[in-house]
C-alpha atoms as a PDB file:
ATOM      1  CA  MET A   1      -0.027   0.081   0.107  1.00  0.00           C
ATOM      2  CA  SER A   2       1.321   3.377  -0.741  1.00  0.00           C
ATOM      3  CA  ARG A   3       0.975   6.103   1.668  1.00  0.00           C
ATOM      4  CA  MET A   4       0.684   9.849   1.597  1.00  0.00           C
ATOM      5  CA  MET A   5       2.893  11.740   3.816  1.00  0.00           C
ATOM      6  CA  PHE A   6       2.220  15.317   5.606  1.00  0.00           C
ATOM      7  CA  VAL A   7       4.702  16.994   7.703  1.00  0.00           C
ATOM      8  CA  ASN A   8       3.293  19.623   9.559  1.00  0.00           C
ATOM      9  CA  LEU A   9       5.396  22.666  10.636  1.00  0.00           C
ATOM     10  CA  PRO A  10       4.647  26.013  12.409  1.00  0.00           C
ATOM     11  CA  VAL A  11       5.740  29.104  10.932  1.00  0.00           C
ATOM     12  CA  THR A  12       5.641  32.656  12.132  1.00  0.00           C
ATOM     13  CA  ASP A  13       4.741  34.563   8.973  1.00  0.00           C
ATOM     14  CA  LEU A  14       2.969  32.313   6.309  1.00  0.00           C
ATOM     15  CA  GLY A  15       3.455  34.564   3.440  1.00  0.00           C
ATOM     16  CA  LYS A  16       7.185  34.965   4.038  1.00  0.00           C
ATOM     17  CA  SER A  17       7.466  31.078   4.340  1.00  0.00           C
ATOM     18  CA  ILE A  18       5.356  30.627   1.057  1.00  0.00           C
ATOM     19  CA  GLU A  19       7.750  32.970  -0.720  1.00  0.00           C
ATOM     20  CA  PHE A  20      10.866  31.533   0.607  1.00  0.00           C
ATOM     21  CA  PHE A  21       9.973  28.034  -0.357  1.00  0.00           C
ATOM     22  CA  SER A  22       8.660  29.226  -3.782  1.00  0.00           C
ATOM     23  CA  GLN A  23      12.170  30.549  -4.471  1.00  0.00           C
ATOM     24  CA  LEU A  24      13.335  26.921  -3.906  1.00  0.00           C
ATOM     25  CA  GLY A  25      11.005  25.723  -6.793  1.00  0.00           C
ATOM     26  CA  PHE A  26       8.313  24.294  -4.516  1.00  0.00           C
ATOM     27  CA  GLU A  27       4.644  24.748  -5.502  1.00  0.00           C
ATOM     28  CA  PHE A  28       1.456  24.825  -3.107  1.00  0.00           C
ATOM     29  CA  ASN A  29      -1.867  23.312  -3.581  1.00  0.00           C
ATOM     30  CA  PRO A  30      -4.493  26.309  -3.543  1.00  0.00           C
ATOM     31  CA  GLN A  31      -7.262  23.958  -2.534  1.00  0.00           C
ATOM     32  CA  PHE A  32      -5.548  23.589   0.918  1.00  0.00           C
ATOM     33  CA  THR A  33      -4.262  27.110   1.206  1.00  0.00           C
ATOM     34  CA  ASP A  34      -5.809  29.941   3.386  1.00  0.00           C
ATOM     35  CA  GLU A  35      -4.455  32.583   5.512  1.00  0.00           C
ATOM     36  CA  THR A  36      -3.567  30.039   8.263  1.00  0.00           C
ATOM     37  CA  ALA A  37      -2.134  27.098   6.154  1.00  0.00           C
ATOM     38  CA  THR A  38      -0.789  26.214   2.904  1.00  0.00           C
ATOM     39  CA  CYS A  39       0.198  22.623   1.525  1.00  0.00           C
ATOM     40  CA  MET A  40       3.604  22.622   0.010  1.00  0.00           C
ATOM     41  CA  ILE A  41       3.913  19.871  -2.632  1.00  0.00           C
ATOM     42  CA  VAL A  42       7.246  17.928  -2.183  1.00  0.00           C
ATOM     43  CA  GLY A  43       6.450  14.889  -4.211  1.00  0.00           C
ATOM     44  CA  GLU A  44       3.437  13.038  -5.847  1.00  0.00           C
ATOM     45  CA  SER A  45       2.441  11.675  -2.365  1.00  0.00           C
ATOM     46  CA  ASN A  46       4.537  13.898   0.077  1.00  0.00           C
ATOM     47  CA  PHE A  47       3.556  17.208   1.390  1.00  0.00           C
ATOM     48  CA  VAL A  48       4.300  19.859   4.010  1.00  0.00           C
ATOM     49  CA  MET A  49       1.750  21.717   5.809  1.00  0.00           C
ATOM     50  CA  LEU A  50       2.960  25.011   6.814  1.00  0.00           C
ATOM     51  CA  LEU A  51       0.699  26.306   9.550  1.00  0.00           C
ATOM     52  CA  THR A  52       0.521  29.481  11.418  1.00  0.00           C
ATOM     53  CA  ARG A  53       1.543  29.012  14.916  1.00  0.00           C
ATOM     54  CA  GLU A  54      -2.015  29.564  16.222  1.00  0.00           C
ATOM     55  CA  LYS A  55      -3.268  26.953  13.658  1.00  0.00           C
ATOM     56  CA  PHE A  56      -0.444  24.526  14.565  1.00  0.00           C
ATOM     57  CA  LEU A  57      -1.285  24.880  18.487  1.00  0.00           C
ATOM     58  CA  GLY A  58      -4.923  23.743  17.538  1.00  0.00           C
ATOM     59  CA  PHE A  59      -3.570  20.267  16.553  1.00  0.00           C
ATOM     60  CA  THR A  60      -1.330  20.068  19.835  1.00  0.00           C
ATOM     61  CA  PRO A  61      -3.548  21.050  22.753  1.00  0.00           C
ATOM     62  CA  GLY A  62      -1.392  21.376  25.848  1.00  0.00           C
ATOM     63  CA  LEU A  63       2.035  21.503  24.271  1.00  0.00           C
ATOM     64  CA  GLU A  64       4.209  24.376  23.464  1.00  0.00           C
ATOM     65  CA  ILE A  65       5.780  24.985  20.190  1.00  0.00           C
ATOM     66  CA  CYS A  66       9.507  24.177  20.174  1.00  0.00           C
ATOM     67  CA  ASP A  67      12.081  27.273  20.126  1.00  0.00           C
ATOM     68  CA  THR A  68      13.951  26.217  17.082  1.00  0.00           C
ATOM     69  CA  GLY A  69      16.872  28.453  18.148  1.00  0.00           C
ATOM     70  CA  LYS A  70      17.320  26.025  21.129  1.00  0.00           C
ATOM     71  CA  SER A  71      15.831  22.700  20.258  1.00  0.00           C
ATOM     72  CA  THR A  72      14.990  20.721  17.170  1.00  0.00           C
ATOM     73  CA  GLU A  73      11.459  19.049  16.754  1.00  0.00           C
ATOM     74  CA  VAL A  74      12.238  17.537  13.399  1.00  0.00           C
ATOM     75  CA  LEU A  75      14.631  17.080  10.707  1.00  0.00           C
ATOM     76  CA  VAL A  76      13.371  17.001   7.189  1.00  0.00           C
ATOM     77  CA  CYS A  77      15.197  15.296   4.595  1.00  0.00           C
ATOM     78  CA  LEU A  78      14.734  15.523   0.810  1.00  0.00           C
ATOM     79  CA  SER A  79      16.441  13.690  -1.913  1.00  0.00           C
ATOM     80  CA  ALA A  80      18.130  15.432  -4.803  1.00  0.00           C
ATOM     81  CA  ALA A  81      18.860  13.980  -8.095  1.00  0.00           C
ATOM     82  CA  SER A  82      22.605  15.033  -8.154  1.00  0.00           C
ATOM     83  CA  ARG A  83      25.436  16.523  -6.039  1.00  0.00           C
ATOM     84  CA  ALA A  84      24.738  19.658  -8.059  1.00  0.00           C
ATOM     85  CA  GLU A  85      21.295  19.681  -7.271  1.00  0.00           C
ATOM     86  CA  VAL A  86      22.058  19.527  -3.494  1.00  0.00           C
ATOM     87  CA  ASP A  87      24.499  22.571  -3.856  1.00  0.00           C
ATOM     88  CA  ALA A  88      21.811  24.406  -5.957  1.00  0.00           C
ATOM     89  CA  LEU A  89      19.080  23.942  -3.454  1.00  0.00           C
ATOM     90  CA  LEU A  90      21.153  25.072  -0.756  1.00  0.00           C
ATOM     91  CA  ASP A  91      22.533  28.254  -2.635  1.00  0.00           C
ATOM     92  CA  LYS A  92      18.746  29.011  -3.399  1.00  0.00           C
ATOM     93  CA  ALA A  93      17.750  28.611   0.255  1.00  0.00           C
ATOM     94  CA  VAL A  94      20.483  30.853   1.451  1.00  0.00           C
ATOM     95  CA  ALA A  95      19.700  33.505  -1.124  1.00  0.00           C
ATOM     96  CA  ALA A  96      15.986  33.393  -0.100  1.00  0.00           C
ATOM     97  CA  GLY A  97      17.001  34.229   3.500  1.00  0.00           C
ATOM     98  CA  GLY A  98      17.746  30.817   5.045  1.00  0.00           C
ATOM     99  CA  SER A  99      20.987  29.883   6.670  1.00  0.00           C
ATOM    100  CA  SER A 100      23.371  26.980   5.849  1.00  0.00           C
ATOM    101  CA  TYR A 101      23.504  24.486   8.695  1.00  0.00           C
ATOM    102  CA  ARG A 102      26.441  22.377   9.337  1.00  0.00           C
ATOM    103  CA  GLU A 103      29.334  21.476   7.013  1.00  0.00           C
ATOM    104  CA  PRO A 104      28.662  19.367   3.839  1.00  0.00           C
ATOM    105  CA  GLU A 105      28.860  15.647   4.374  1.00  0.00           C
ATOM    106  CA  ASP A 106      30.530  13.586   1.585  1.00  0.00           C
ATOM    107  CA  HIS A 107      30.710   9.911   1.747  1.00  0.00           C
ATOM    108  CA  GLY A 108      31.455   9.099  -1.811  1.00  0.00           C
ATOM    109  CA  PHE A 109      28.186   7.422  -2.752  1.00  0.00           C
ATOM    110  CA  MET A 110      26.117   9.860  -0.803  1.00  0.00           C
ATOM    111  CA  TYR A 111      26.449  13.820  -0.370  1.00  0.00           C
ATOM    112  CA  GLY A 112      24.254  15.955   1.631  1.00  0.00           C
ATOM    113  CA  ARG A 113      23.935  19.606   2.985  1.00  0.00           C
ATOM    114  CA  ALA A 114      21.469  21.252   5.307  1.00  0.00           C
ATOM    115  CA  PHE A 115      19.799  24.562   5.725  1.00  0.00           C
ATOM    116  CA  ARG A 116      17.613  26.265   8.341  1.00  0.00           C
ATOM    117  CA  ASP A 117      14.366  27.800   6.830  1.00  0.00           C
ATOM    118  CA  LEU A 118      13.048  31.247   8.061  1.00  0.00           C
ATOM    119  CA  ASP A 119      11.552  29.602  11.170  1.00  0.00           C
ATOM    120  CA  GLY A 120      14.570  27.583  12.026  1.00  0.00           C
ATOM    121  CA  HIS A 121      13.384  24.297  10.870  1.00  0.00           C
ATOM    122  CA  ILE A 122      16.337  22.215   9.458  1.00  0.00           C
ATOM    123  CA  TRP A 123      16.115  20.691   6.072  1.00  0.00           C
ATOM    124  CA  GLU A 124      18.580  18.139   4.711  1.00  0.00           C
ATOM    125  CA  ILE A 125      19.183  17.784   1.147  1.00  0.00           C
ATOM    126  CA  MET A 126      21.075  14.639   0.034  1.00  0.00           C
ATOM    127  CA  TRP A 127      21.915  12.721  -2.996  1.00  0.00           C
ATOM    128  CA  MET A 128      22.918   9.103  -2.926  1.00  0.00           C
ATOM    129  CA  ASP A 129      24.201   6.756  -5.633  1.00  0.00           C
ATOM    130  CA  THR A 130      21.595   3.856  -5.307  1.00  0.00           C
ATOM    131  CA  ALA A 131      23.953   1.607  -7.542  1.00  0.00           C
ATOM    132  CA  ALA A 132      26.467   1.708  -4.844  1.00  0.00           C
ATOM    133  CA  ILE A 133      24.290   0.362  -2.152  1.00  0.00           C
ATOM    134  CA  GLN A 134      22.687  -2.392  -4.094  1.00  0.00           C
END
């Protein structure tokens, strides 16, 4: 059975987050977008719901939102088609206002880098030569 995956992330300014991820080449489903949330399309069955902090708290009664400057609540890892795409996505993220996070990791058959988005969420971008691990 194929499953859909939705990652939900709180954001401080939904409009700025949409602009940031648009600059990285992501698109959004207008059917699930309003002033409190948007559905970012990552893949055929993979989505990231960017929710205002107030909307996010509605799904987590009694809990606080993590301060991403002090703690990490999730690492989101996306695959890339090549090493060059890893670098290009990181460059776009930094140019759009994000920041590079940690040094690149190069294991020969696998290469990855990471960035923090406008709200401090960590996004890893990695390329893997699948032929090398079969």
